[in-house]
Amino acid sequence: MSKSIFALNNWTAEQRSNGHWYYGDTYRDAPQQFRGPYKSVASVTLMIAREMTREILRRQQRMTAPMEDRHAA
């Protein structure tokens, strides 16, 4: 099996004055594009982990799709 390395997006988490947590892509187009509210730091970090998992899976599919197409021919 070959080695795969993925450099992932950066995420920003913030706790607002009401105590709720929000997160968003650090390089988002609009500053108000935060997701939330979440009640705990554990909840918001779990959501970021899920986003990162989806990104890794998308990238793996893009990497393996051309190899599968070559074997089908």
PDB file of N, CA and C in Angstrom:
ATOM      1  N   MET A   1       0.842  -1.182   0.000  1.00  0.00           N
ATOM      2  CA  MET A   1       0.000   0.000   0.000  1.00  0.00           C
ATOM      3  C   MET A   1       0.882   1.238   0.000  1.00  0.00           C
ATOM      4  N   SER A   2       0.545   2.195  -0.849  1.00  0.00           N
ATOM      5  CA  SER A   2       1.338   3.414  -0.921  1.00  0.00           C
ATOM      6  C   SER A   2       0.938   4.395   0.179  1.00  0.00           C
ATOM      7  N   LYS A   3       1.863   5.256   0.486  1.00  0.00           N
ATOM      8  CA  LYS A   3       1.656   6.242   1.544  1.00  0.00           C
ATOM      9  C   LYS A   3       0.818   7.406   1.008  1.00  0.00           C
ATOM     10  N   SER A   4      -0.147   7.869   1.789  1.00  0.00           N
ATOM     11  CA  SER A   4      -0.961   9.024   1.427  1.00  0.00           C
ATOM     12  C   SER A   4      -0.852  10.065   2.525  1.00  0.00           C
ATOM     13  N   ILE A   5      -0.634  11.298   2.122  1.00  0.00           N
ATOM     14  CA  ILE A   5      -0.557  12.405   3.064  1.00  0.00           C
ATOM     15  C   ILE A   5      -1.577  13.449   2.637  1.00  0.00           C
ATOM     16  N   PHE A   6      -2.354  13.932   3.585  1.00  0.00           N
ATOM     17  CA  PHE A   6      -3.373  14.918   3.283  1.00  0.00           C
ATOM     18  C   PHE A   6      -3.149  16.162   4.129  1.00  0.00           C
ATOM     19  N   ALA A   7      -2.950  17.311   3.499  1.00  0.00           N
ATOM     20  CA  ALA A   7      -2.908  18.593   4.205  1.00  0.00           C
ATOM     21  C   ALA A   7      -4.340  19.115   4.214  1.00  0.00           C
ATOM     22  N   LEU A   8      -4.888  19.285   5.393  1.00  0.00           N
ATOM     23  CA  LEU A   8      -6.308  19.613   5.514  1.00  0.00           C
ATOM     24  C   LEU A   8      -6.530  21.101   5.778  1.00  0.00           C
ATOM     25  N   ASN A   9      -7.759  21.531   5.475  1.00  0.00           N
ATOM     26  CA  ASN A   9      -8.151  22.918   5.733  1.00  0.00           C
ATOM     27  C   ASN A   9      -8.009  23.262   7.203  1.00  0.00           C
ATOM     28  N   ASN A  10      -7.843  24.523   7.452  1.00  0.00           N
ATOM     29  CA  ASN A  10      -7.815  25.011   8.829  1.00  0.00           C
ATOM     30  C   ASN A  10      -9.214  25.405   9.249  1.00  0.00           C
ATOM     31  N   TRP A  11      -9.523  25.146  10.479  1.00  0.00           N
ATOM     32  CA  TRP A  11     -10.836  25.477  11.025  1.00  0.00           C
ATOM     33  C   TRP A  11     -10.685  26.454  12.170  1.00  0.00           C
ATOM     34  N   THR A  12     -11.669  27.304  12.330  1.00  0.00           N
ATOM     35  CA  THR A  12     -11.700  28.266  13.417  1.00  0.00           C
ATOM     36  C   THR A  12     -12.887  27.952  14.304  1.00  0.00           C
ATOM     37  N   ALA A  13     -12.647  27.884  15.613  1.00  0.00           N
ATOM     38  CA  ALA A  13     -13.722  27.687  16.586  1.00  0.00           C
ATOM     39  C   ALA A  13     -13.749  28.915  17.479  1.00  0.00           C
ATOM     40  N   GLU A  14     -14.943  29.342  17.827  1.00  0.00           N
ATOM     41  CA  GLU A  14     -15.049  30.482  18.735  1.00  0.00           C
ATOM     42  C   GLU A  14     -16.175  30.260  19.736  1.00  0.00           C
ATOM     43  N   GLN A  15     -15.932  30.724  20.931  1.00  0.00           N
ATOM     44  CA  GLN A  15     -16.962  30.689  21.964  1.00  0.00           C
ATOM     45  C   GLN A  15     -17.485  32.110  22.112  1.00  0.00           C
ATOM     46  N   ARG A  16     -18.761  32.264  21.914  1.00  0.00           N
ATOM     47  CA  ARG A  16     -19.363  33.596  21.979  1.00  0.00           C
ATOM     48  C   ARG A  16     -19.800  33.926  23.391  1.00  0.00           C
ATOM     49  N   SER A  17     -20.216  35.168  23.593  1.00  0.00           N
ATOM     50  CA  SER A  17     -20.540  35.661  24.935  1.00  0.00           C
ATOM     51  C   SER A  17     -21.677  34.887  25.596  1.00  0.00           C
ATOM     52  N   ASN A  18     -22.524  34.245  24.795  1.00  0.00           N
ATOM     53  CA  ASN A  18     -23.617  33.448  25.369  1.00  0.00           C
ATOM     54  C   ASN A  18     -23.155  32.059  25.813  1.00  0.00           C
ATOM     55  N   GLY A  19     -21.863  31.747  25.612  1.00  0.00           N
ATOM     56  CA  GLY A  19     -21.305  30.475  26.038  1.00  0.00           C
ATOM     57  C   GLY A  19     -21.360  29.382  24.980  1.00  0.00           C
ATOM     58  N   HIS A  20     -22.042  29.627  23.862  1.00  0.00           N
ATOM     59  CA  HIS A  20     -22.143  28.624  22.804  1.00  0.00           C
ATOM     60  C   HIS A  20     -20.928  28.682  21.886  1.00  0.00           C
ATOM     61  N   TRP A  21     -20.631  27.526  21.310  1.00  0.00           N
ATOM     62  CA  TRP A  21     -19.502  27.379  20.398  1.00  0.00           C
ATOM     63  C   TRP A  21     -19.974  27.373  18.958  1.00  0.00           C
ATOM     64  N   TYR A  22     -19.152  27.935  18.065  1.00  0.00           N
ATOM     65  CA  TYR A  22     -19.404  27.977  16.628  1.00  0.00           C
ATOM     66  C   TYR A  22     -18.090  27.631  15.937  1.00  0.00           C
ATOM     67  N   TYR A  23     -18.175  27.129  14.703  1.00  0.00           N
ATOM     68  CA  TYR A  23     -16.959  26.866  13.950  1.00  0.00           C
ATOM     69  C   TYR A  23     -17.179  27.177  12.485  1.00  0.00           C
ATOM     70  N   GLY A  24     -16.078  27.397  11.795  1.00  0.00           N
ATOM     71  CA  GLY A  24     -16.136  27.656  10.363  1.00  0.00           C
ATOM     72  C   GLY A  24     -14.764  27.482   9.752  1.00  0.00           C
ATOM     73  N   ASP A  25     -14.744  27.417   8.450  1.00  0.00           N
ATOM     74  CA  ASP A  25     -13.496  27.338   7.706  1.00  0.00           C
ATOM     75  C   ASP A  25     -12.745  28.656   7.909  1.00  0.00           C
ATOM     76  N   THR A  26     -11.484  28.576   8.262  1.00  0.00           N
ATOM     77  CA  THR A  26     -10.690  29.773   8.513  1.00  0.00           C
ATOM     78  C   THR A  26     -10.667  30.688   7.291  1.00  0.00           C
ATOM     79  N   TYR A  27     -10.691  30.109   6.095  1.00  0.00           N
ATOM     80  CA  TYR A  27     -10.580  30.887   4.861  1.00  0.00           C
ATOM     81  C   TYR A  27     -11.916  31.016   4.141  1.00  0.00           C
ATOM     82  N   ARG A  28     -13.012  31.060   4.902  1.00  0.00           N
ATOM     83  CA  ARG A  28     -14.344  31.170   4.312  1.00  0.00           C
ATOM     84  C   ARG A  28     -14.495  32.513   3.599  1.00  0.00           C
ATOM     85  N   ASP A  29     -15.471  32.572   2.693  1.00  0.00           N
ATOM     86  CA  ASP A  29     -15.702  33.790   1.922  1.00  0.00           C
ATOM     87  C   ASP A  29     -16.281  34.917   2.764  1.00  0.00           C
ATOM     88  N   ALA A  30     -17.176  34.596   3.671  1.00  0.00           N
ATOM     89  CA  ALA A  30     -17.827  35.615   4.493  1.00  0.00           C
ATOM     90  C   ALA A  30     -17.613  35.285   5.971  1.00  0.00           C
ATOM     91  N   PRO A  31     -17.247  36.262   6.772  1.00  0.00           N
ATOM     92  CA  PRO A  31     -16.979  35.998   8.195  1.00  0.00           C
ATOM     93  C   PRO A  31     -18.164  35.417   8.955  1.00  0.00           C
ATOM     94  N   GLN A  32     -19.373  35.665   8.514  1.00  0.00           N
ATOM     95  CA  GLN A  32     -20.549  35.173   9.243  1.00  0.00           C
ATOM     96  C   GLN A  32     -20.880  33.720   8.903  1.00  0.00           C
ATOM     97  N   GLN A  33     -20.080  33.052   8.113  1.00  0.00           N
ATOM     98  CA  GLN A  33     -20.354  31.666   7.736  1.00  0.00           C
ATOM     99  C   GLN A  33     -19.864  30.684   8.805  1.00  0.00           C
ATOM    100  N   PHE A  34     -20.390  30.809   9.994  1.00  0.00           N
ATOM    101  CA  PHE A  34     -20.064  29.885  11.071  1.00  0.00           C
ATOM    102  C   PHE A  34     -21.201  28.896  11.246  1.00  0.00           C
ATOM    103  N   ARG A  35     -20.872  27.683  11.676  1.00  0.00           N
ATOM    104  CA  ARG A  35     -21.874  26.665  11.962  1.00  0.00           C
ATOM    105  C   ARG A  35     -22.017  26.560  13.475  1.00  0.00           C
ATOM    106  N   GLY A  36     -23.215  26.352  13.940  1.00  0.00           N
ATOM    107  CA  GLY A  36     -23.452  26.250  15.372  1.00  0.00           C
ATOM    108  C   GLY A  36     -24.851  26.712  15.682  1.00  0.00           C
ATOM    109  N   PRO A  37     -25.204  26.786  16.887  1.00  0.00           N
ATOM    110  CA  PRO A  37     -24.392  26.739  18.095  1.00  0.00           C
ATOM    111  C   PRO A  37     -24.211  25.319  18.626  1.00  0.00           C
ATOM    112  N   TYR A  38     -23.120  25.128  19.353  1.00  0.00           N
ATOM    113  CA  TYR A  38     -22.834  23.887  20.060  1.00  0.00           C
ATOM    114  C   TYR A  38     -22.607  24.239  21.522  1.00  0.00           C
ATOM    115  N   LYS A  39     -23.015  23.339  22.403  1.00  0.00           N
ATOM    116  CA  LYS A  39     -22.960  23.639  23.833  1.00  0.00           C
ATOM    117  C   LYS A  39     -21.601  23.400  24.471  1.00  0.00           C
ATOM    118  N   SER A  40     -20.753  22.591  23.843  1.00  0.00           N
ATOM    119  CA  SER A  40     -19.468  22.281  24.473  1.00  0.00           C
ATOM    120  C   SER A  40     -18.359  22.282  23.434  1.00  0.00           C
ATOM    121  N   VAL A  41     -17.136  22.435  23.931  1.00  0.00           N
ATOM    122  CA  VAL A  41     -15.979  22.370  23.049  1.00  0.00           C
ATOM    123  C   VAL A  41     -15.859  20.964  22.452  1.00  0.00           C
ATOM    124  N   ALA A  42     -16.255  19.940  23.192  1.00  0.00           N
ATOM    125  CA  ALA A  42     -16.218  18.568  22.665  1.00  0.00           C
ATOM    126  C   ALA A  42     -17.144  18.422  21.454  1.00  0.00           C
ATOM    127  N   SER A  43     -18.317  19.020  21.531  1.00  0.00           N
ATOM    128  CA  SER A  43     -19.259  18.933  20.413  1.00  0.00           C
ATOM    129  C   SER A  43     -18.730  19.637  19.169  1.00  0.00           C
ATOM    130  N   VAL A  44     -18.166  20.824  19.358  1.00  0.00           N
ATOM    131  CA  VAL A  44     -17.677  21.571  18.197  1.00  0.00           C
ATOM    132  C   VAL A  44     -16.454  20.892  17.586  1.00  0.00           C
ATOM    133  N   THR A  45     -15.572  20.318  18.401  1.00  0.00           N
ATOM    134  CA  THR A  45     -14.413  19.636  17.836  1.00  0.00           C
ATOM    135  C   THR A  45     -14.814  18.332  17.144  1.00  0.00           C
ATOM    136  N   LEU A  46     -15.862  17.674  17.625  1.00  0.00           N
ATOM    137  CA  LEU A  46     -16.375  16.487  16.944  1.00  0.00           C
ATOM    138  C   LEU A  46     -16.897  16.850  15.552  1.00  0.00           C
ATOM    139  N   MET A  47     -17.580  17.971  15.444  1.00  0.00           N
ATOM    140  CA  MET A  47     -18.095  18.402  14.144  1.00  0.00           C
ATOM    141  C   MET A  47     -16.945  18.748  13.189  1.00  0.00           C
ATOM    142  N   ILE A  48     -15.889  19.368  13.707  1.00  0.00           N
ATOM    143  CA  ILE A  48     -14.721  19.660  12.868  1.00  0.00           C
ATOM    144  C   ILE A  48     -14.070  18.359  12.408  1.00  0.00           C
ATOM    145  N   ALA A  49     -13.980  17.380  13.297  1.00  0.00           N
ATOM    146  CA  ALA A  49     -13.416  16.073  12.925  1.00  0.00           C
ATOM    147  C   ALA A  49     -14.246  15.411  11.831  1.00  0.00           C
ATOM    148  N   ARG A  50     -15.554  15.535  11.895  1.00  0.00           N
ATOM    149  CA  ARG A  50     -16.414  14.971  10.853  1.00  0.00           C
ATOM    150  C   ARG A  50     -16.177  15.659   9.511  1.00  0.00           C
ATOM    151  N   GLU A  51     -16.011  16.980   9.540  1.00  0.00           N
ATOM    152  CA  GLU A  51     -15.718  17.724   8.312  1.00  0.00           C
ATOM    153  C   GLU A  51     -14.388  17.261   7.718  1.00  0.00           C
ATOM    154  N   MET A  52     -13.397  17.067   8.570  1.00  0.00           N
ATOM    155  CA  MET A  52     -12.091  16.628   8.097  1.00  0.00           C
ATOM    156  C   MET A  52     -12.155  15.212   7.536  1.00  0.00           C
ATOM    157  N   THR A  53     -12.934  14.352   8.151  1.00  0.00           N
ATOM    158  CA  THR A  53     -13.115  12.987   7.648  1.00  0.00           C
ATOM    159  C   THR A  53     -13.717  13.007   6.249  1.00  0.00           C
ATOM    160  N   ARG A  54     -14.752  13.813   6.053  1.00  0.00           N
ATOM    161  CA  ARG A  54     -15.374  13.927   4.725  1.00  0.00           C
ATOM    162  C   ARG A  54     -14.367  14.410   3.682  1.00  0.00           C
ATOM    163  N   GLU A  55     -13.534  15.369   4.064  1.00  0.00           N
ATOM    164  CA  GLU A  55     -12.534  15.895   3.133  1.00  0.00           C
ATOM    165  C   GLU A  55     -11.509  14.827   2.759  1.00  0.00           C
ATOM    166  N   ILE A  56     -11.037  14.053   3.721  1.00  0.00           N
ATOM    167  CA  ILE A  56     -10.089  12.974   3.425  1.00  0.00           C
ATOM    168  C   ILE A  56     -10.721  11.951   2.493  1.00  0.00           C
ATOM    169  N   LEU A  57     -11.957  11.566   2.748  1.00  0.00           N
ATOM    170  CA  LEU A  57     -12.629  10.580   1.897  1.00  0.00           C
ATOM    171  C   LEU A  57     -12.822  11.103   0.476  1.00  0.00           C
ATOM    172  N   ARG A  58     -13.163  12.383   0.339  1.00  0.00           N
ATOM    173  CA  ARG A  58     -13.297  12.983  -1.002  1.00  0.00           C
ATOM    174  C   ARG A  58     -11.974  12.910  -1.749  1.00  0.00           C
ATOM    175  N   ARG A  59     -10.900  13.241  -1.057  1.00  0.00           N
ATOM    176  CA  ARG A  59      -9.590  13.224  -1.708  1.00  0.00           C
ATOM    177  C   ARG A  59      -9.154  11.811  -2.067  1.00  0.00           C
ATOM    178  N   GLN A  60      -9.427  10.854  -1.193  1.00  0.00           N
ATOM    179  CA  GLN A  60      -9.089   9.457  -1.507  1.00  0.00           C
ATOM    180  C   GLN A  60      -9.841   8.981  -2.733  1.00  0.00           C
ATOM    181  N   GLN A  61     -11.109   9.331  -2.846  1.00  0.00           N
ATOM    182  CA  GLN A  61     -11.893   8.930  -4.013  1.00  0.00           C
ATOM    183  C   GLN A  61     -11.322   9.518  -5.291  1.00  0.00           C
ATOM    184  N   ARG A  62     -10.894  10.771  -5.235  1.00  0.00           N
ATOM    185  CA  ARG A  62     -10.300  11.395  -6.429  1.00  0.00           C
ATOM    186  C   ARG A  62      -8.994  10.718  -6.804  1.00  0.00           C
ATOM    187  N   MET A  63      -8.227  10.280  -5.798  1.00  0.00           N
ATOM    188  CA  MET A  63      -6.949   9.631  -6.074  1.00  0.00           C
ATOM    189  C   MET A  63      -7.122   8.229  -6.627  1.00  0.00           C
ATOM    190  N   THR A  64      -8.122   7.497  -6.143  1.00  0.00           N
ATOM    191  CA  THR A  64      -8.278   6.102  -6.548  1.00  0.00           C
ATOM    192  C   THR A  64      -9.134   5.942  -7.792  1.00  0.00           C
ATOM    193  N   ALA A  65      -9.983   6.891  -8.110  1.00  0.00           N
ATOM    194  CA  ALA A  65     -10.865   6.761  -9.281  1.00  0.00           C
ATOM    195  C   ALA A  65     -10.078   6.588 -10.578  1.00  0.00           C
ATOM    196  N   PRO A  66      -9.038   7.380 -10.853  1.00  0.00           N
ATOM    197  CA  PRO A  66      -8.291   7.166 -12.110  1.00  0.00           C
ATOM    198  C   PRO A  66      -7.625   5.803 -12.160  1.00  0.00           C
ATOM    199  N   MET A  67      -7.148   5.271 -11.043  1.00  0.00           N
ATOM    200  CA  MET A  67      -6.512   3.957 -11.027  1.00  0.00           C
ATOM    201  C   MET A  67      -7.530   2.877 -11.359  1.00  0.00           C
ATOM    202  N   GLU A  68      -8.726   2.986 -10.827  1.00  0.00           N
ATOM    203  CA  GLU A  68      -9.769   1.999 -11.104  1.00  0.00           C
ATOM    204  C   GLU A  68     -10.194   2.058 -12.564  1.00  0.00           C
ATOM    205  N   ASP A  69     -10.250   3.263 -13.134  1.00  0.00           N
ATOM    206  CA  ASP A  69     -10.617   3.415 -14.533  1.00  0.00           C
ATOM    207  C   ASP A  69      -9.582   2.746 -15.446  1.00  0.00           C
ATOM    208  N   ARG A  70      -8.296   2.825 -15.081  1.00  0.00           N
ATOM    209  CA  ARG A  70      -7.251   2.204 -15.896  1.00  0.00           C
ATOM    210  C   ARG A  70      -7.348   0.676 -15.868  1.00  0.00           C
ATOM    211  N   HIS A  71      -7.736   0.125 -14.724  1.00  0.00           N
ATOM    212  CA  HIS A  71      -7.834  -1.330 -14.612  1.00  0.00           C
ATOM    213  C   HIS A  71      -9.052  -1.874 -15.351  1.00  0.00           C
ATOM    214  N   ALA A  72     -10.067  -1.060 -15.514  1.00  0.00           N
ATOM    215  CA  ALA A  72     -11.297  -1.511 -16.184  1.00  0.00           C
ATOM    216  C   ALA A  72     -11.094  -1.621 -17.694  1.00  0.00           C
ATOM    217  N   ALA A  73     -10.135  -0.884 -18.241  1.00  0.00           N
ATOM    218  CA  ALA A  73      -9.926  -0.851 -19.695  1.00  0.00           C
ATOM    219  C   ALA A  73      -9.231  -2.083 -20.208  1.00  0.00           C
TER     220      ALA A  73
END
